[in-house]
Every structure is written in C-alpha cells, then in structure tokens.
C-alpha cells in the first residue's frame, strides 16, 4: 500500500476516535467568527496573527491538507470563497457537515498533495496549509505547486515541523534516531511508527521547509516558532514547529 493511503486510513481512524485535529468547530464558534471573534492555528498552540490574512471578504482561499472543519468554516464566516483539499475522507466529511449546518458553500476535493494540484494557474488569493507535510516524503514539489496555483500578491500560510520530534524517543528524553527520519527507507523507523500508531511520518530540514519556499519563488514575510503543546519538550519550551507567512510577489 502506498504510504499516503496508509496515512489516509490512519487519519480516518483517528478522526473516528476523537482526534484533536479532527473535531470540527461548533455553531457558537462559527457565529463568533461572523461577529469578528476568531482565531485559527497553523501549529499546535499559537494562534495565527490576524494581520497575516488581511481582509478575506471575497478572497479565494485554499485549505491545503486542511480538512476537519476547524479553519475553513472560520474563513467562510469571514466572507472567503473556500476550497479544501485533503486525502482523508473523514476530514472532508467534517467539512461537509459544518457547511450544511451553517449554510455556506465550499468546494471539497479529495486529493493527494504529493501530486499536481487540480487547479489552474493563479487560482487562489491565499493558501492555508497547517502542519501536515510531515506526512509526505518530499515537500519542495508542494511549495512549487502552491506558487503555481496562487495569484500574484497571494499569500501562503504554512505550519511545518522542526524535525526535533523525530530524533527523540517516546519519553522525549533520549536521542535515538538519525536524520532524516524516513520510514520508507528505514525499516526500524517504520517499526517505531507502527508501534506508536503514528501513520507514516517524515522529518524535513529547515532548508526544505524555508529555503524550499524561497526556491519556489516565494518571499518570506514573517515566521514564529511553537512547541508541541504537551510532553517533555513542551515543558522545556523547546520549539518543534514553525509557522511561516510567504508571498508570491509576481
């Protein structure tokens, strides 16, 4: 089975079991967003600065691997024209349920972000890409596709991993793995993920994450770090995630 199919099945099961990142917002949260009271996450704990978005009214927004009914309903409440692409059927079903409940339109596409995105050049004003490329082996093609489907002046908001989580054991006290963490190439690392029921995950360097966006033609405007939100690394305030704001200038 392709590793992306393994991840889709794993995440579907996590959602059914109550996964934190698979629980859609409630009606009250949607109404609060309509009234201007809202926050969304790219990484585990820190809300994204509102200034990163600008005015979303009438803007075309792509939620890339952003299913689950957590962020796209907020953007819809703020007046955006939303599209979500995700490979998990359960995450997409959450999007459908919230859209039906709140009465807004959203384009919902089941798609694998490791393949060319099914959109024309220059389609979107903003792409929202929360932490998810840890589930794919190659990230640079994703950045290139993001730039292709974005309008000039469009913005990419992305949450990515720092790779620190992949070198430590489950207690986050001992360094046990060499990098890159790649369960396709390393059978021992694959066994670690299977034992932890963690799907198929991959570490990525900051060169891949940051310079990969620069190589694709984006201009980096801002960034911030974040922690896991729990566990020993969090308690020691060790950053493990990065949120980035980038722009397609031309």
C-alpha atoms as a PDB file:
ATOM      1  CA  UNK A   1       0.000   0.000   0.000  1.00  0.00           C
ATOM      2  CA  UNK A   2       1.266   3.498  -0.833  1.00  0.00           C
ATOM      3  CA  UNK A   3       2.340   5.421   2.265  1.00  0.00           C
ATOM      4  CA  UNK A   4      -0.200   8.152   1.516  1.00  0.00           C
ATOM      5  CA  UNK A   5      -3.010   5.587   1.565  1.00  0.00           C
ATOM      6  CA  UNK A   6      -1.710   4.307   4.900  1.00  0.00           C
ATOM      7  CA  UNK A   7      -1.863   7.861   6.234  1.00  0.00           C
ATOM      8  CA  UNK A   8      -5.374   8.453   4.911  1.00  0.00           C
ATOM      9  CA  UNK A   9      -6.657   5.283   6.576  1.00  0.00           C
ATOM     10  CA  UNK A  10      -4.827   6.094   9.807  1.00  0.00           C
ATOM     11  CA  UNK A  11      -6.175   9.630   9.987  1.00  0.00           C
ATOM     12  CA  UNK A  12      -9.698   8.435   9.166  1.00  0.00           C
ATOM     13  CA  UNK A  13      -9.486   6.137  12.186  1.00  0.00           C
ATOM     14  CA  UNK A  14      -8.022   8.860  14.400  1.00  0.00           C
ATOM     15  CA  UNK A  15     -10.936  11.142  13.499  1.00  0.00           C
ATOM     16  CA  UNK A  16     -13.467   8.448  14.380  1.00  0.00           C
ATOM     17  CA  UNK A  17     -11.673   8.006  17.706  1.00  0.00           C
ATOM     18  CA  UNK A  18     -11.907  11.729  18.533  1.00  0.00           C
ATOM     19  CA  UNK A  19      -8.557  13.082  17.293  1.00  0.00           C
ATOM     20  CA  UNK A  20      -7.973  16.667  18.427  1.00  0.00           C
ATOM     21  CA  UNK A  21      -7.284  17.878  14.875  1.00  0.00           C
ATOM     22  CA  UNK A  22     -10.372  16.145  13.515  1.00  0.00           C
ATOM     23  CA  UNK A  23     -13.037  17.767  15.705  1.00  0.00           C
ATOM     24  CA  UNK A  24     -14.980  20.441  13.801  1.00  0.00           C
ATOM     25  CA  UNK A  25     -15.947  23.764  15.343  1.00  0.00           C
ATOM     26  CA  UNK A  26     -19.369  24.162  16.913  1.00  0.00           C
ATOM     27  CA  UNK A  27     -22.147  26.562  15.917  1.00  0.00           C
ATOM     28  CA  UNK A  28     -21.224  29.097  18.602  1.00  0.00           C
ATOM     29  CA  UNK A  29     -17.662  29.329  17.299  1.00  0.00           C
ATOM     30  CA  UNK A  30     -18.954  29.948  13.790  1.00  0.00           C
ATOM     31  CA  UNK A  31     -21.265  32.724  14.991  1.00  0.00           C
ATOM     32  CA  UNK A  32     -18.400  34.304  16.934  1.00  0.00           C
ATOM     33  CA  UNK A  33     -16.297  34.338  13.772  1.00  0.00           C
ATOM     34  CA  UNK A  34     -19.094  36.070  11.876  1.00  0.00           C
ATOM     35  CA  UNK A  35     -19.038  38.702  14.624  1.00  0.00           C
ATOM     36  CA  UNK A  36     -15.265  39.125  14.282  1.00  0.00           C
ATOM     37  CA  UNK A  37     -14.135  36.998  17.238  1.00  0.00           C
ATOM     38  CA  UNK A  38     -11.949  34.193  15.922  1.00  0.00           C
ATOM     39  CA  UNK A  39      -8.564  32.509  15.903  1.00  0.00           C
ATOM     40  CA  UNK A  40      -7.063  29.635  13.910  1.00  0.00           C
ATOM     41  CA  UNK A  41      -3.938  27.512  14.318  1.00  0.00           C
ATOM     42  CA  UNK A  42      -1.179  26.550  11.903  1.00  0.00           C
ATOM     43  CA  UNK A  43       0.811  24.868  14.702  1.00  0.00           C
ATOM     44  CA  UNK A  44      -0.270  23.253  17.988  1.00  0.00           C
ATOM     45  CA  UNK A  45      -0.692  26.207  20.381  1.00  0.00           C
ATOM     46  CA  UNK A  46      -0.124  29.714  18.978  1.00  0.00           C
ATOM     47  CA  UNK A  47      -2.949  31.456  17.087  1.00  0.00           C
ATOM     48  CA  UNK A  48      -2.010  32.896  13.709  1.00  0.00           C
ATOM     49  CA  UNK A  49      -1.771  36.718  13.767  1.00  0.00           C
ATOM     50  CA  UNK A  50      -4.850  38.191  12.111  1.00  0.00           C
ATOM     51  CA  UNK A  51      -2.643  40.539  10.124  1.00  0.00           C
ATOM     52  CA  UNK A  52      -1.283  37.591   8.184  1.00  0.00           C
ATOM     53  CA  UNK A  53      -4.667  37.189   6.478  1.00  0.00           C
ATOM     54  CA  UNK A  54      -5.788  40.685   5.562  1.00  0.00           C
ATOM     55  CA  UNK A  55      -9.425  41.147   4.593  1.00  0.00           C
ATOM     56  CA  UNK A  56     -10.778  37.768   3.470  1.00  0.00           C
ATOM     57  CA  UNK A  57     -14.082  39.011   2.089  1.00  0.00           C
ATOM     58  CA  UNK A  58     -14.442  37.749  -1.464  1.00  0.00           C
ATOM     59  CA  UNK A  59     -10.974  36.179  -1.458  1.00  0.00           C
ATOM     60  CA  UNK A  60     -10.421  32.694  -2.856  1.00  0.00           C
ATOM     61  CA  UNK A  61      -8.865  30.529  -0.131  1.00  0.00           C
ATOM     62  CA  UNK A  62      -7.442  27.026  -0.470  1.00  0.00           C
ATOM     63  CA  UNK A  63      -7.180  24.875   2.650  1.00  0.00           C
ATOM     64  CA  UNK A  64      -4.349  22.534   1.668  1.00  0.00           C
ATOM     65  CA  UNK A  65      -4.475  19.331   3.743  1.00  0.00           C
ATOM     66  CA  UNK A  66      -6.713  21.417   5.991  1.00  0.00           C
ATOM     67  CA  UNK A  67      -9.811  19.245   6.328  1.00  0.00           C
ATOM     68  CA  UNK A  68     -11.586  18.687   9.609  1.00  0.00           C
ATOM     69  CA  UNK A  69     -13.988  21.604   9.833  1.00  0.00           C
ATOM     70  CA  UNK A  70     -11.732  23.716  12.022  1.00  0.00           C
ATOM     71  CA  UNK A  71     -10.298  26.509   9.867  1.00  0.00           C
ATOM     72  CA  UNK A  72     -12.300  26.613   6.638  1.00  0.00           C
ATOM     73  CA  UNK A  73     -15.603  27.383   8.408  1.00  0.00           C
ATOM     74  CA  UNK A  74     -13.907  30.370  10.064  1.00  0.00           C
ATOM     75  CA  UNK A  75     -12.723  31.671   6.702  1.00  0.00           C
ATOM     76  CA  UNK A  76     -16.195  31.138   5.233  1.00  0.00           C
ATOM     77  CA  UNK A  77     -17.695  33.100   8.145  1.00  0.00           C
ATOM     78  CA  UNK A  78     -15.264  35.913   7.310  1.00  0.00           C
ATOM     79  CA  UNK A  79     -16.551  36.043   3.730  1.00  0.00           C
ATOM     80  CA  UNK A  80     -13.966  33.960   1.860  1.00  0.00           C
ATOM     81  CA  UNK A  81     -14.749  31.653  -1.081  1.00  0.00           C
ATOM     82  CA  UNK A  82     -13.303  28.403   0.232  1.00  0.00           C
ATOM     83  CA  UNK A  83     -11.873  25.254  -1.290  1.00  0.00           C
ATOM     84  CA  UNK A  84     -10.444  22.430   0.804  1.00  0.00           C
ATOM     85  CA  UNK A  85      -8.233  19.609  -0.437  1.00  0.00           C
ATOM     86  CA  UNK A  86      -7.471  16.670   1.851  1.00  0.00           C
ATOM     87  CA  UNK A  87      -6.773  12.949   1.445  1.00  0.00           C
ATOM     88  CA  UNK A  88      -8.827  11.860   4.465  1.00  0.00           C
ATOM     89  CA  UNK A  89     -12.474  11.071   3.776  1.00  0.00           C
ATOM     90  CA  UNK A  90     -13.379  11.617   7.434  1.00  0.00           C
ATOM     91  CA  UNK A  91     -11.773  15.066   7.496  1.00  0.00           C
ATOM     92  CA  UNK A  92     -13.689  16.025   4.366  1.00  0.00           C
ATOM     93  CA  UNK A  93     -16.947  14.709   5.786  1.00  0.00           C
ATOM     94  CA  UNK A  94     -16.454  17.032   8.758  1.00  0.00           C
ATOM     95  CA  UNK A  95     -16.183  19.923   6.289  1.00  0.00           C
ATOM     96  CA  UNK A  96     -19.436  18.859   4.633  1.00  0.00           C
ATOM     97  CA  UNK A  97     -21.287  18.617   7.947  1.00  0.00           C
ATOM     98  CA  UNK A  98     -20.237  22.073   9.114  1.00  0.00           C
ATOM     99  CA  UNK A  99     -21.036  23.651   5.737  1.00  0.00           C
ATOM    100  CA  UNK A 100     -24.519  22.091   5.744  1.00  0.00           C
ATOM    101  CA  UNK A 101     -25.117  23.171   9.325  1.00  0.00           C
ATOM    102  CA  UNK A 102     -24.043  26.784   8.736  1.00  0.00           C
ATOM    103  CA  UNK A 103     -25.369  27.113   5.182  1.00  0.00           C
ATOM    104  CA  UNK A 104     -22.295  28.194   3.252  1.00  0.00           C
ATOM    105  CA  UNK A 105     -20.799  26.855   0.027  1.00  0.00           C
ATOM    106  CA  UNK A 106     -17.394  25.195  -0.086  1.00  0.00           C
ATOM    107  CA  UNK A 107     -15.613  23.198  -2.775  1.00  0.00           C
ATOM    108  CA  UNK A 108     -14.467  19.909  -1.246  1.00  0.00           C
ATOM    109  CA  UNK A 109     -11.856  17.821  -3.054  1.00  0.00           C
ATOM    110  CA  UNK A 110     -10.288  14.535  -2.028  1.00  0.00           C
ATOM    111  CA  UNK A 111      -6.751  14.804  -3.295  1.00  0.00           C
ATOM    112  CA  UNK A 112      -3.159  13.810  -2.602  1.00  0.00           C
ATOM    113  CA  UNK A 113      -0.978  16.904  -2.178  1.00  0.00           C
ATOM    114  CA  UNK A 114       2.099  14.970  -3.325  1.00  0.00           C
ATOM    115  CA  UNK A 115       0.605  15.073  -6.831  1.00  0.00           C
ATOM    116  CA  UNK A 116      -0.022  18.131  -9.031  1.00  0.00           C
ATOM    117  CA  UNK A 117      -2.840  20.162  -7.546  1.00  0.00           C
ATOM    118  CA  UNK A 118      -6.078  20.011  -9.568  1.00  0.00           C
ATOM    119  CA  UNK A 119      -6.346  23.776 -10.043  1.00  0.00           C
ATOM    120  CA  UNK A 120      -5.488  26.241 -12.801  1.00  0.00           C
ATOM    121  CA  UNK A 121      -2.552  28.603 -12.512  1.00  0.00           C
ATOM    122  CA  UNK A 122      -3.263  31.717 -10.455  1.00  0.00           C
ATOM    123  CA  UNK A 123      -6.487  30.500  -8.843  1.00  0.00           C
ATOM    124  CA  UNK A 124      -6.144  31.442  -5.168  1.00  0.00           C
ATOM    125  CA  UNK A 125      -5.529  34.588  -3.125  1.00  0.00           C
ATOM    126  CA  UNK A 126      -4.465  32.650  -0.036  1.00  0.00           C
ATOM    127  CA  UNK A 127      -3.366  29.109   0.788  1.00  0.00           C
ATOM    128  CA  UNK A 128      -3.690  27.883   4.363  1.00  0.00           C
ATOM    129  CA  UNK A 129      -1.509  24.842   4.993  1.00  0.00           C
ATOM    130  CA  UNK A 130      -1.435  23.706   8.644  1.00  0.00           C
ATOM    131  CA  UNK A 131       1.067  21.125   9.902  1.00  0.00           C
ATOM    132  CA  UNK A 132       0.678  18.171   7.553  1.00  0.00           C
ATOM    133  CA  UNK A 133       3.691  17.899   5.290  1.00  0.00           C
ATOM    134  CA  UNK A 134       5.299  15.735   7.975  1.00  0.00           C
ATOM    135  CA  UNK A 135       3.148  13.015   6.358  1.00  0.00           C
ATOM    136  CA  UNK A 136       4.803  13.369   2.944  1.00  0.00           C
ATOM    137  CA  UNK A 137       8.280  12.404   1.820  1.00  0.00           C
ATOM    138  CA  UNK A 138       9.061  15.323  -0.499  1.00  0.00           C
ATOM    139  CA  UNK A 139       7.962  18.872   0.307  1.00  0.00           C
ATOM    140  CA  UNK A 140       9.645  21.029  -2.348  1.00  0.00           C
ATOM    141  CA  UNK A 141       7.179  19.980  -5.092  1.00  0.00           C
ATOM    142  CA  UNK A 142       4.346  21.079  -2.802  1.00  0.00           C
ATOM    143  CA  UNK A 143       5.808  24.577  -2.490  1.00  0.00           C
ATOM    144  CA  UNK A 144       6.165  24.812  -6.260  1.00  0.00           C
ATOM    145  CA  UNK A 145       2.543  23.770  -6.760  1.00  0.00           C
ATOM    146  CA  UNK A 146       1.382  26.294  -4.157  1.00  0.00           C
ATOM    147  CA  UNK A 147       3.082  29.074  -6.053  1.00  0.00           C
ATOM    148  CA  UNK A 148       1.668  27.887  -9.380  1.00  0.00           C
ATOM    149  CA  UNK A 149      -1.960  27.942  -8.245  1.00  0.00           C
ATOM    150  CA  UNK A 150      -1.612  31.279  -6.420  1.00  0.00           C
ATOM    151  CA  UNK A 151      -2.403  34.712  -7.814  1.00  0.00           C
ATOM    152  CA  UNK A 152       0.336  37.363  -7.892  1.00  0.00           C
ATOM    153  CA  UNK A 153       0.284  39.036  -4.494  1.00  0.00           C
ATOM    154  CA  UNK A 154      -1.218  35.928  -2.916  1.00  0.00           C
ATOM    155  CA  UNK A 155      -0.124  34.607   0.452  1.00  0.00           C
ATOM    156  CA  UNK A 156       0.940  31.190   1.709  1.00  0.00           C
ATOM    157  CA  UNK A 157       0.429  30.487   5.415  1.00  0.00           C
ATOM    158  CA  UNK A 158       2.118  27.239   6.406  1.00  0.00           C
ATOM    159  CA  UNK A 159       2.815  25.296   9.573  1.00  0.00           C
ATOM    160  CA  UNK A 160       5.744  22.873   9.433  1.00  0.00           C
ATOM    161  CA  UNK A 161       7.805  20.645  11.727  1.00  0.00           C
ATOM    162  CA  UNK A 162      11.266  21.463  13.068  1.00  0.00           C
ATOM    163  CA  UNK A 163      12.337  17.768  12.855  1.00  0.00           C
ATOM    164  CA  UNK A 164      13.264  17.697  16.580  1.00  0.00           C
ATOM    165  CA  UNK A 165      10.344  15.367  17.382  1.00  0.00           C
ATOM    166  CA  UNK A 166      11.840  12.703  15.133  1.00  0.00           C
ATOM    167  CA  UNK A 167      15.202  12.332  16.898  1.00  0.00           C
ATOM    168  CA  UNK A 168      13.900  11.561  20.408  1.00  0.00           C
ATOM    169  CA  UNK A 169      12.270   8.519  21.977  1.00  0.00           C
ATOM    170  CA  UNK A 170       8.653   8.432  23.192  1.00  0.00           C
ATOM    171  CA  UNK A 171       9.626   9.966  26.548  1.00  0.00           C
ATOM    172  CA  UNK A 172      11.365  12.835  24.727  1.00  0.00           C
ATOM    173  CA  UNK A 173      14.431  12.389  26.950  1.00  0.00           C
ATOM    174  CA  UNK A 174      16.861  10.401  24.776  1.00  0.00           C
ATOM    175  CA  UNK A 175      18.084  10.979  21.226  1.00  0.00           C
ATOM    176  CA  UNK A 176      17.535   7.692  19.399  1.00  0.00           C
ATOM    177  CA  UNK A 177      17.191   8.435  15.678  1.00  0.00           C
ATOM    178  CA  UNK A 178      19.445   9.773  12.989  1.00  0.00           C
ATOM    179  CA  UNK A 179      18.068  12.100  10.374  1.00  0.00           C
ATOM    180  CA  UNK A 180      16.392  12.072   8.017  1.00  0.00           C
ATOM    181  CA  UNK A 181      13.548  10.164   9.629  1.00  0.00           C
ATOM    182  CA  UNK A 182      12.234   8.219   6.651  1.00  0.00           C
ATOM    183  CA  UNK A 183      10.164   5.082   7.260  1.00  0.00           C
ATOM    184  CA  UNK A 184      10.177   4.253   3.554  1.00  0.00           C
ATOM    185  CA  UNK A 185      13.960   3.893   3.544  1.00  0.00           C
ATOM    186  CA  UNK A 186      14.475   2.872   7.186  1.00  0.00           C
ATOM    187  CA  UNK A 187      12.640  -0.240   8.402  1.00  0.00           C
ATOM    188  CA  UNK A 188      13.479   0.405  12.063  1.00  0.00           C
ATOM    189  CA  UNK A 189      11.895   3.844  11.875  1.00  0.00           C
ATOM    190  CA  UNK A 190       8.837   2.355  10.213  1.00  0.00           C
ATOM    191  CA  UNK A 191       8.502  -0.116  13.085  1.00  0.00           C
ATOM    192  CA  UNK A 192       8.681   2.773  15.549  1.00  0.00           C
ATOM    193  CA  UNK A 193       5.763   4.484  13.845  1.00  0.00           C
ATOM    194  CA  UNK A 194       3.734   1.280  13.657  1.00  0.00           C
ATOM    195  CA  UNK A 195       4.244   0.661  17.382  1.00  0.00           C
ATOM    196  CA  UNK A 196       3.082   4.198  18.128  1.00  0.00           C
ATOM    197  CA  UNK A 197       0.153   4.044  15.666  1.00  0.00           C
ATOM    198  CA  UNK A 198       1.529   7.219  14.085  1.00  0.00           C
ATOM    199  CA  UNK A 199       0.975   6.567  10.394  1.00  0.00           C
ATOM    200  CA  UNK A 200       3.874   7.254   8.037  1.00  0.00           C
ATOM    201  CA  UNK A 201       5.768  10.409   9.009  1.00  0.00           C
ATOM    202  CA  UNK A 202       8.920  12.053   7.690  1.00  0.00           C
ATOM    203  CA  UNK A 203      11.356  14.617   9.032  1.00  0.00           C
ATOM    204  CA  UNK A 204      12.275  17.618   6.896  1.00  0.00           C
ATOM    205  CA  UNK A 205      15.141  20.046   7.197  1.00  0.00           C
ATOM    206  CA  UNK A 206      14.660  23.774   7.544  1.00  0.00           C
ATOM    207  CA  UNK A 207      16.351  24.012   4.163  1.00  0.00           C
ATOM    208  CA  UNK A 208      13.484  22.018   2.689  1.00  0.00           C
ATOM    209  CA  UNK A 209      10.856  23.987   4.559  1.00  0.00           C
ATOM    210  CA  UNK A 210      12.169  27.568   4.410  1.00  0.00           C
ATOM    211  CA  UNK A 211      14.573  27.569   1.504  1.00  0.00           C
ATOM    212  CA  UNK A 212      12.184  25.293  -0.379  1.00  0.00           C
ATOM    213  CA  UNK A 213       9.640  28.129  -0.372  1.00  0.00           C
ATOM    214  CA  UNK A 214      12.290  30.640  -1.428  1.00  0.00           C
ATOM    215  CA  UNK A 215      13.438  28.363  -4.256  1.00  0.00           C
ATOM    216  CA  UNK A 216       9.823  28.066  -5.405  1.00  0.00           C
ATOM    217  CA  UNK A 217       9.709  31.858  -5.782  1.00  0.00           C
ATOM    218  CA  UNK A 218       8.032  32.965  -2.563  1.00  0.00           C
ATOM    219  CA  UNK A 219       9.148  35.925  -0.478  1.00  0.00           C
ATOM    220  CA  UNK A 220       9.226  35.167   3.261  1.00  0.00           C
ATOM    221  CA  UNK A 221       7.456  37.893   5.241  1.00  0.00           C
ATOM    222  CA  UNK A 222       7.260  36.564   8.799  1.00  0.00           C
ATOM    223  CA  UNK A 223       7.570  33.465  10.960  1.00  0.00           C
ATOM    224  CA  UNK A 224       7.211  32.242  14.534  1.00  0.00           C
ATOM    225  CA  UNK A 225       8.058  29.073  16.456  1.00  0.00           C
ATOM    226  CA  UNK A 226       5.794  26.850  18.536  1.00  0.00           C
ATOM    227  CA  UNK A 227       6.011  23.825  20.819  1.00  0.00           C
ATOM    228  CA  UNK A 228       4.165  20.505  20.904  1.00  0.00           C
ATOM    229  CA  UNK A 229       1.657  21.741  23.456  1.00  0.00           C
ATOM    230  CA  UNK A 230       2.387  18.801  25.761  1.00  0.00           C
ATOM    231  CA  UNK A 231       5.203  16.429  26.742  1.00  0.00           C
ATOM    232  CA  UNK A 232       8.758  16.986  27.980  1.00  0.00           C
ATOM    233  CA  UNK A 233       9.939  19.082  25.030  1.00  0.00           C
ATOM    234  CA  UNK A 234       6.973  21.394  25.587  1.00  0.00           C
ATOM    235  CA  UNK A 235       7.690  21.591  29.304  1.00  0.00           C
ATOM    236  CA  UNK A 236      11.265  22.621  28.485  1.00  0.00           C
ATOM    237  CA  UNK A 237       9.937  25.183  25.953  1.00  0.00           C
ATOM    238  CA  UNK A 238      11.798  23.504  23.081  1.00  0.00           C
ATOM    239  CA  UNK A 239      10.395  24.731  19.738  1.00  0.00           C
ATOM    240  CA  UNK A 240       9.348  21.899  17.453  1.00  0.00           C
ATOM    241  CA  UNK A 241       7.194  23.696  14.872  1.00  0.00           C
ATOM    242  CA  UNK A 242       7.443  26.737  12.659  1.00  0.00           C
ATOM    243  CA  UNK A 243       4.702  28.913  11.157  1.00  0.00           C
ATOM    244  CA  UNK A 244       5.556  30.950   8.072  1.00  0.00           C
ATOM    245  CA  UNK A 245       3.946  33.717   6.065  1.00  0.00           C
ATOM    246  CA  UNK A 246       5.155  33.981   2.465  1.00  0.00           C
ATOM    247  CA  UNK A 247       4.007  35.964  -0.556  1.00  0.00           C
ATOM    248  CA  UNK A 248       4.034  35.475  -4.306  1.00  0.00           C
ATOM    249  CA  UNK A 249       5.301  38.867  -5.430  1.00  0.00           C
ATOM    250  CA  UNK A 250       4.938  38.358  -9.198  1.00  0.00           C
END
